[in-house]
C-alpha atoms as a PDB file:
ATOM      1  CA  UNK A   1      -0.022   0.025   0.004  1.00  0.00           C
ATOM      2  CA  UNK A   2       2.967   2.312   0.511  1.00  0.00           C
ATOM      3  CA  UNK A   3       3.917   2.152  -3.182  1.00  0.00           C
ATOM      4  CA  UNK A   4       2.622   4.705  -5.586  1.00  0.00           C
ATOM      5  CA  UNK A   5       0.697   3.766  -8.703  1.00  0.00           C
ATOM      6  CA  UNK A   6       3.719   4.571 -10.855  1.00  0.00           C
ATOM      7  CA  UNK A   7       5.970   2.266  -8.722  1.00  0.00           C
ATOM      8  CA  UNK A   8       3.429  -0.509  -8.950  1.00  0.00           C
ATOM      9  CA  UNK A   9       3.188  -0.164 -12.716  1.00  0.00           C
ATOM     10  CA  UNK A  10       6.984  -0.131 -13.038  1.00  0.00           C
ATOM     11  CA  UNK A  11       7.255  -3.343 -10.995  1.00  0.00           C
ATOM     12  CA  UNK A  12       4.490  -5.086 -13.008  1.00  0.00           C
ATOM     13  CA  UNK A  13       6.133  -4.035 -16.232  1.00  0.00           C
ATOM     14  CA  UNK A  14       9.446  -5.597 -15.048  1.00  0.00           C
ATOM     15  CA  UNK A  15       7.681  -8.810 -13.942  1.00  0.00           C
ATOM     16  CA  UNK A  16       5.978  -9.101 -17.358  1.00  0.00           C
ATOM     17  CA  UNK A  17       9.282  -8.472 -19.190  1.00  0.00           C
ATOM     18  CA  UNK A  18      11.162 -11.059 -17.110  1.00  0.00           C
ATOM     19  CA  UNK A  19       8.354 -13.573 -17.503  1.00  0.00           C
ATOM     20  CA  UNK A  20       8.418 -13.243 -21.236  1.00  0.00           C
ATOM     21  CA  UNK A  21      12.190 -13.629 -21.199  1.00  0.00           C
ATOM     22  CA  UNK A  22      11.839 -16.776 -19.040  1.00  0.00           C
ATOM     23  CA  UNK A  23       9.338 -18.290 -21.471  1.00  0.00           C
ATOM     24  CA  UNK A  24      11.689 -17.749 -24.391  1.00  0.00           C
ATOM     25  CA  UNK A  25      14.599 -19.123 -22.400  1.00  0.00           C
ATOM     26  CA  UNK A  26      12.634 -22.295 -21.385  1.00  0.00           C
ATOM     27  CA  UNK A  27      11.530 -22.825 -25.010  1.00  0.00           C
ATOM     28  CA  UNK A  28      15.117 -22.585 -26.195  1.00  0.00           C
ATOM     29  CA  UNK A  29      16.457 -24.843 -23.508  1.00  0.00           C
ATOM     30  CA  UNK A  30      13.857 -27.431 -24.411  1.00  0.00           C
ATOM     31  CA  UNK A  31      14.900 -27.212 -28.019  1.00  0.00           C
ATOM     32  CA  UNK A  32      18.539 -27.797 -27.003  1.00  0.00           C
ATOM     33  CA  UNK A  33      17.692 -30.917 -24.985  1.00  0.00           C
ATOM     34  CA  UNK A  34      15.423 -32.326 -27.768  1.00  0.00           C
ATOM     35  CA  UNK A  35      17.197 -34.880 -29.896  1.00  0.00           C
ATOM     36  CA  UNK A  36      16.170 -35.182 -33.502  1.00  0.00           C
ATOM     37  CA  UNK A  37      15.090 -38.810 -33.953  1.00  0.00           C
ATOM     38  CA  UNK A  38      16.355 -38.939 -37.533  1.00  0.00           C
ATOM     39  CA  UNK A  39      19.817 -37.513 -37.099  1.00  0.00           C
ATOM     40  CA  UNK A  40      20.352 -38.169 -33.372  1.00  0.00           C
ATOM     41  CA  UNK A  41      21.586 -34.599 -33.055  1.00  0.00           C
ATOM     42  CA  UNK A  42      20.495 -31.560 -31.022  1.00  0.00           C
ATOM     43  CA  UNK A  43      18.931 -28.851 -33.140  1.00  0.00           C
ATOM     44  CA  UNK A  44      19.287 -25.093 -32.545  1.00  0.00           C
ATOM     45  CA  UNK A  45      17.931 -22.225 -34.493  1.00  0.00           C
ATOM     46  CA  UNK A  46      20.855 -20.027 -35.671  1.00  0.00           C
ATOM     47  CA  UNK A  47      20.687 -16.445 -36.896  1.00  0.00           C
ATOM     48  CA  UNK A  48      23.505 -14.093 -37.828  1.00  0.00           C
ATOM     49  CA  UNK A  49      24.426 -12.237 -34.675  1.00  0.00           C
ATOM     50  CA  UNK A  50      26.878  -9.332 -34.216  1.00  0.00           C
ATOM     51  CA  UNK A  51      29.202 -10.520 -31.524  1.00  0.00           C
ATOM     52  CA  UNK A  52      29.917  -7.081 -30.082  1.00  0.00           C
ATOM     53  CA  UNK A  53      26.252  -6.332 -29.658  1.00  0.00           C
ATOM     54  CA  UNK A  54      25.730  -9.727 -27.976  1.00  0.00           C
ATOM     55  CA  UNK A  55      28.448  -9.094 -25.488  1.00  0.00           C
ATOM     56  CA  UNK A  56      27.223  -5.595 -24.799  1.00  0.00           C
ATOM     57  CA  UNK A  57      23.824  -7.042 -23.912  1.00  0.00           C
ATOM     58  CA  UNK A  58      25.452  -9.596 -21.590  1.00  0.00           C
ATOM     59  CA  UNK A  59      27.510  -6.961 -19.797  1.00  0.00           C
ATOM     60  CA  UNK A  60      24.555  -4.665 -19.361  1.00  0.00           C
ATOM     61  CA  UNK A  61      22.516  -7.481 -17.788  1.00  0.00           C
ATOM     62  CA  UNK A  62      25.434  -8.612 -15.657  1.00  0.00           C
ATOM     63  CA  UNK A  63      26.080  -5.107 -14.337  1.00  0.00           C
ATOM     64  CA  UNK A  64      22.380  -4.676 -13.512  1.00  0.00           C
ATOM     65  CA  UNK A  65      22.797  -7.648 -11.117  1.00  0.00           C
ATOM     66  CA  UNK A  66      26.358  -7.081  -9.964  1.00  0.00           C
ATOM     67  CA  UNK A  67      26.989  -3.263 -10.232  1.00  0.00           C
ATOM     68  CA  UNK A  68      30.169  -3.393  -8.208  1.00  0.00           C
ATOM     69  CA  UNK A  69      31.958  -6.117 -10.200  1.00  0.00           C
ATOM     70  CA  UNK A  70      34.065  -4.829 -13.050  1.00  0.00           C
ATOM     71  CA  UNK A  71      34.479  -7.011 -16.144  1.00  0.00           C
ATOM     72  CA  UNK A  72      37.518  -6.396 -18.370  1.00  0.00           C
ATOM     73  CA  UNK A  73      36.512  -6.774 -21.997  1.00  0.00           C
ATOM     74  CA  UNK A  74      38.901  -7.573 -24.844  1.00  0.00           C
ATOM     75  CA  UNK A  75      37.426  -7.484 -28.324  1.00  0.00           C
ATOM     76  CA  UNK A  76      39.038  -7.510 -31.806  1.00  0.00           C
ATOM     77  CA  UNK A  77      38.706  -4.391 -33.964  1.00  0.00           C
ATOM     78  CA  UNK A  78      37.057  -6.383 -36.813  1.00  0.00           C
ATOM     79  CA  UNK A  79      33.323  -6.562 -37.328  1.00  0.00           C
ATOM     80  CA  UNK A  80      32.290 -10.133 -36.353  1.00  0.00           C
ATOM     81  CA  UNK A  81      29.009 -11.804 -37.218  1.00  0.00           C
ATOM     82  CA  UNK A  82      28.360 -15.389 -36.199  1.00  0.00           C
ATOM     83  CA  UNK A  83      25.473 -17.749 -36.880  1.00  0.00           C
ATOM     84  CA  UNK A  84      24.235 -18.741 -33.448  1.00  0.00           C
ATOM     85  CA  UNK A  85      21.274 -19.026 -31.123  1.00  0.00           C
ATOM     86  CA  UNK A  86      21.979 -15.654 -29.560  1.00  0.00           C
ATOM     87  CA  UNK A  87      19.741 -16.119 -26.473  1.00  0.00           C
ATOM     88  CA  UNK A  88      21.384 -19.408 -25.583  1.00  0.00           C
ATOM     89  CA  UNK A  89      24.976 -18.117 -26.063  1.00  0.00           C
ATOM     90  CA  UNK A  90      24.051 -15.037 -23.969  1.00  0.00           C
ATOM     91  CA  UNK A  91      22.874 -17.252 -21.179  1.00  0.00           C
ATOM     92  CA  UNK A  92      26.101 -19.377 -21.366  1.00  0.00           C
ATOM     93  CA  UNK A  93      28.180 -16.207 -20.956  1.00  0.00           C
ATOM     94  CA  UNK A  94      25.992 -14.894 -18.153  1.00  0.00           C
ATOM     95  CA  UNK A  95      26.260 -18.238 -16.337  1.00  0.00           C
ATOM     96  CA  UNK A  96      30.027 -18.331 -16.597  1.00  0.00           C
ATOM     97  CA  UNK A  97      30.392 -14.757 -15.294  1.00  0.00           C
ATOM     98  CA  UNK A  98      27.948 -15.495 -12.443  1.00  0.00           C
ATOM     99  CA  UNK A  99      29.808 -18.659 -11.539  1.00  0.00           C
ATOM    100  CA  UNK A 100      32.944 -16.554 -11.033  1.00  0.00           C
ATOM    101  CA  UNK A 101      31.013 -14.270  -8.663  1.00  0.00           C
ATOM    102  CA  UNK A 102      29.658 -17.119  -6.550  1.00  0.00           C
ATOM    103  CA  UNK A 103      32.532 -19.662  -6.604  1.00  0.00           C
ATOM    104  CA  UNK A 104      35.830 -17.836  -7.379  1.00  0.00           C
ATOM    105  CA  UNK A 105      36.631 -16.839  -3.846  1.00  0.00           C
ATOM    106  CA  UNK A 106      39.254 -14.136  -3.519  1.00  0.00           C
ATOM    107  CA  UNK A 107      38.707 -12.994  -7.067  1.00  0.00           C
ATOM    108  CA  UNK A 108      39.956  -9.487  -7.916  1.00  0.00           C
ATOM    109  CA  UNK A 109      39.871  -9.704 -11.704  1.00  0.00           C
ATOM    110  CA  UNK A 110      37.221 -10.997 -14.142  1.00  0.00           C
ATOM    111  CA  UNK A 111      37.851 -10.921 -17.915  1.00  0.00           C
ATOM    112  CA  UNK A 112      35.847 -11.690 -21.032  1.00  0.00           C
ATOM    113  CA  UNK A 113      38.029 -11.892 -24.093  1.00  0.00           C
ATOM    114  CA  UNK A 114      37.480 -12.666 -27.779  1.00  0.00           C
ATOM    115  CA  UNK A 115      40.224 -13.572 -30.277  1.00  0.00           C
ATOM    116  CA  UNK A 116      40.133 -14.626 -33.900  1.00  0.00           C
ATOM    117  CA  UNK A 117      41.549 -17.972 -34.930  1.00  0.00           C
ATOM    118  CA  UNK A 118      41.173 -18.373 -38.670  1.00  0.00           C
ATOM    119  CA  UNK A 119      37.456 -18.900 -39.398  1.00  0.00           C
ATOM    120  CA  UNK A 120      36.710 -19.360 -35.705  1.00  0.00           C
ATOM    121  CA  UNK A 121      36.128 -16.950 -32.818  1.00  0.00           C
ATOM    122  CA  UNK A 122      37.487 -17.994 -29.433  1.00  0.00           C
ATOM    123  CA  UNK A 123      35.572 -16.656 -26.410  1.00  0.00           C
ATOM    124  CA  UNK A 124      37.194 -16.787 -23.022  1.00  0.00           C
ATOM    125  CA  UNK A 125      36.070 -15.955 -19.463  1.00  0.00           C
ATOM    126  CA  UNK A 126      38.883 -15.858 -16.873  1.00  0.00           C
ATOM    127  CA  UNK A 127      39.142 -15.112 -13.199  1.00  0.00           C
ATOM    128  CA  UNK A 128      41.968 -14.948 -10.641  1.00  0.00           C
ATOM    129  CA  UNK A 129      39.999 -16.598  -7.857  1.00  0.00           C
ATOM    130  CA  UNK A 130      40.567 -19.732  -5.773  1.00  0.00           C
ATOM    131  CA  UNK A 131      40.424 -22.148  -8.690  1.00  0.00           C
ATOM    132  CA  UNK A 132      38.729 -25.567  -8.984  1.00  0.00           C
ATOM    133  CA  UNK A 133      39.977 -28.713  -7.223  1.00  0.00           C
ATOM    134  CA  UNK A 134      41.398 -31.392  -9.484  1.00  0.00           C
ATOM    135  CA  UNK A 135      38.741 -33.800  -8.169  1.00  0.00           C
ATOM    136  CA  UNK A 136      36.017 -31.688  -9.644  1.00  0.00           C
ATOM    137  CA  UNK A 137      37.544 -30.793 -13.006  1.00  0.00           C
ATOM    138  CA  UNK A 138      36.567 -34.044 -14.882  1.00  0.00           C
ATOM    139  CA  UNK A 139      33.021 -33.923 -13.660  1.00  0.00           C
ATOM    140  CA  UNK A 140      32.470 -30.199 -14.079  1.00  0.00           C
ATOM    141  CA  UNK A 141      30.257 -30.476 -17.177  1.00  0.00           C
ATOM    142  CA  UNK A 142      28.449 -33.682 -16.301  1.00  0.00           C
ATOM    143  CA  UNK A 143      26.196 -32.459 -13.541  1.00  0.00           C
ATOM    144  CA  UNK A 144      27.396 -35.308 -11.251  1.00  0.00           C
ATOM    145  CA  UNK A 145      29.645 -34.704  -8.306  1.00  0.00           C
ATOM    146  CA  UNK A 146      30.648 -36.720  -5.219  1.00  0.00           C
ATOM    147  CA  UNK A 147      28.167 -36.584  -2.414  1.00  0.00           C
ATOM    148  CA  UNK A 148      28.912 -33.790   0.002  1.00  0.00           C
ATOM    149  CA  UNK A 149      30.573 -31.603  -2.575  1.00  0.00           C
ATOM    150  CA  UNK A 150      29.090 -28.289  -3.557  1.00  0.00           C
ATOM    151  CA  UNK A 151      28.404 -28.201  -7.220  1.00  0.00           C
ATOM    152  CA  UNK A 152      30.513 -25.702  -9.120  1.00  0.00           C
ATOM    153  CA  UNK A 153      27.387 -24.992 -11.219  1.00  0.00           C
ATOM    154  CA  UNK A 154      25.098 -24.739  -8.292  1.00  0.00           C
ATOM    155  CA  UNK A 155      22.173 -22.393  -8.930  1.00  0.00           C
ATOM    156  CA  UNK A 156      21.219 -21.834  -5.297  1.00  0.00           C
ATOM    157  CA  UNK A 157      22.548 -18.319  -5.464  1.00  0.00           C
ATOM    158  CA  UNK A 158      21.276 -17.384  -8.904  1.00  0.00           C
ATOM    159  CA  UNK A 159      19.119 -18.425 -11.778  1.00  0.00           C
ATOM    160  CA  UNK A 160      22.017 -19.947 -13.714  1.00  0.00           C
ATOM    161  CA  UNK A 161      21.375 -22.843 -16.061  1.00  0.00           C
ATOM    162  CA  UNK A 162      24.319 -24.928 -14.893  1.00  0.00           C
ATOM    163  CA  UNK A 163      27.578 -25.882 -16.529  1.00  0.00           C
ATOM    164  CA  UNK A 164      26.290 -29.160 -17.892  1.00  0.00           C
ATOM    165  CA  UNK A 165      23.580 -27.350 -19.835  1.00  0.00           C
ATOM    166  CA  UNK A 166      26.117 -24.683 -20.941  1.00  0.00           C
ATOM    167  CA  UNK A 167      28.206 -27.541 -22.344  1.00  0.00           C
ATOM    168  CA  UNK A 168      25.170 -28.971 -24.161  1.00  0.00           C
ATOM    169  CA  UNK A 169      24.435 -25.605 -25.722  1.00  0.00           C
ATOM    170  CA  UNK A 170      28.034 -25.213 -26.959  1.00  0.00           C
ATOM    171  CA  UNK A 171      28.013 -28.783 -28.256  1.00  0.00           C
ATOM    172  CA  UNK A 172      24.768 -28.005 -30.175  1.00  0.00           C
ATOM    173  CA  UNK A 173      26.792 -25.235 -31.872  1.00  0.00           C
ATOM    174  CA  UNK A 174      29.298 -27.855 -33.001  1.00  0.00           C
ATOM    175  CA  UNK A 175      31.921 -26.900 -30.423  1.00  0.00           C
ATOM    176  CA  UNK A 176      33.044 -27.777 -26.878  1.00  0.00           C
ATOM    177  CA  UNK A 177      33.165 -25.945 -23.603  1.00  0.00           C
ATOM    178  CA  UNK A 178      36.611 -26.267 -21.975  1.00  0.00           C
ATOM    179  CA  UNK A 179      38.108 -25.275 -18.653  1.00  0.00           C
ATOM    180  CA  UNK A 180      41.772 -24.837 -17.660  1.00  0.00           C
ATOM    181  CA  UNK A 181      43.736 -23.760 -14.632  1.00  0.00           C
ATOM    182  CA  UNK A 182      45.761 -20.653 -15.059  1.00  0.00           C
ATOM    183  CA  UNK A 183      49.448 -20.545 -14.183  1.00  0.00           C
ATOM    184  CA  UNK A 184      49.103 -17.857 -11.563  1.00  0.00           C
ATOM    185  CA  UNK A 185      45.699 -18.619 -10.047  1.00  0.00           C
ATOM    186  CA  UNK A 186      42.163 -18.918 -11.144  1.00  0.00           C
ATOM    187  CA  UNK A 187      40.555 -20.643 -14.150  1.00  0.00           C
ATOM    188  CA  UNK A 188      39.552 -19.950 -17.720  1.00  0.00           C
ATOM    189  CA  UNK A 189      36.444 -21.261 -19.386  1.00  0.00           C
ATOM    190  CA  UNK A 190      36.512 -21.041 -23.230  1.00  0.00           C
ATOM    191  CA  UNK A 191      34.830 -22.223 -26.427  1.00  0.00           C
ATOM    192  CA  UNK A 192      35.010 -21.379 -30.073  1.00  0.00           C
ATOM    193  CA  UNK A 193      32.319 -20.657 -32.659  1.00  0.00           C
ATOM    194  CA  UNK A 194      32.473 -20.640 -36.478  1.00  0.00           C
ATOM    195  CA  UNK A 195      32.046 -17.271 -38.106  1.00  0.00           C
ATOM    196  CA  UNK A 196      30.371 -18.872 -41.118  1.00  0.00           C
ATOM    197  CA  UNK A 197      28.546 -22.199 -41.392  1.00  0.00           C
ATOM    198  CA  UNK A 198      25.847 -23.946 -43.200  1.00  0.00           C
ATOM    199  CA  UNK A 199      22.392 -23.917 -41.495  1.00  0.00           C
ATOM    200  CA  UNK A 200      21.411 -27.451 -40.247  1.00  0.00           C
END
């Protein structure tokens, strides 16, 4: 009752917008987990997407949730357009950034970098946090961990979609999600996408 009419309308508008986003996300996630019975492959709907615009959208959304966390961005000067399911790739990047917030204890630096490698674009998210124990590295993308361990892709602190689903999304784009320990400290998640490819 203490809210004004304008405040109530603003909140309702945000609820409606988030609900519509959630519906689209669920529909896309369902499409990723649906196997085509004829080809036995996951199908995604790709459209040409300007990479810089996609990353800008991710950073804006990330900063709206974590305004105090700086993300260092490294992008090539070239114009890059990639056929992809933009909403799903956005959610992968959001999830990887959020994982660093919730699990990379002691982190002082968070980076999102893009480099060109021939016809591919390599996308990397790195932090200088506490790292990941060797015992968890092999199971990181499976969704299965030893009992008693806290999942590295736990969504208890956020609405993340989990590393196993991230890996499935990247696989549906004919690539793989990788993780590596950095020499100093922290970890780097990375994957590549083709700049040009035939629609499946």
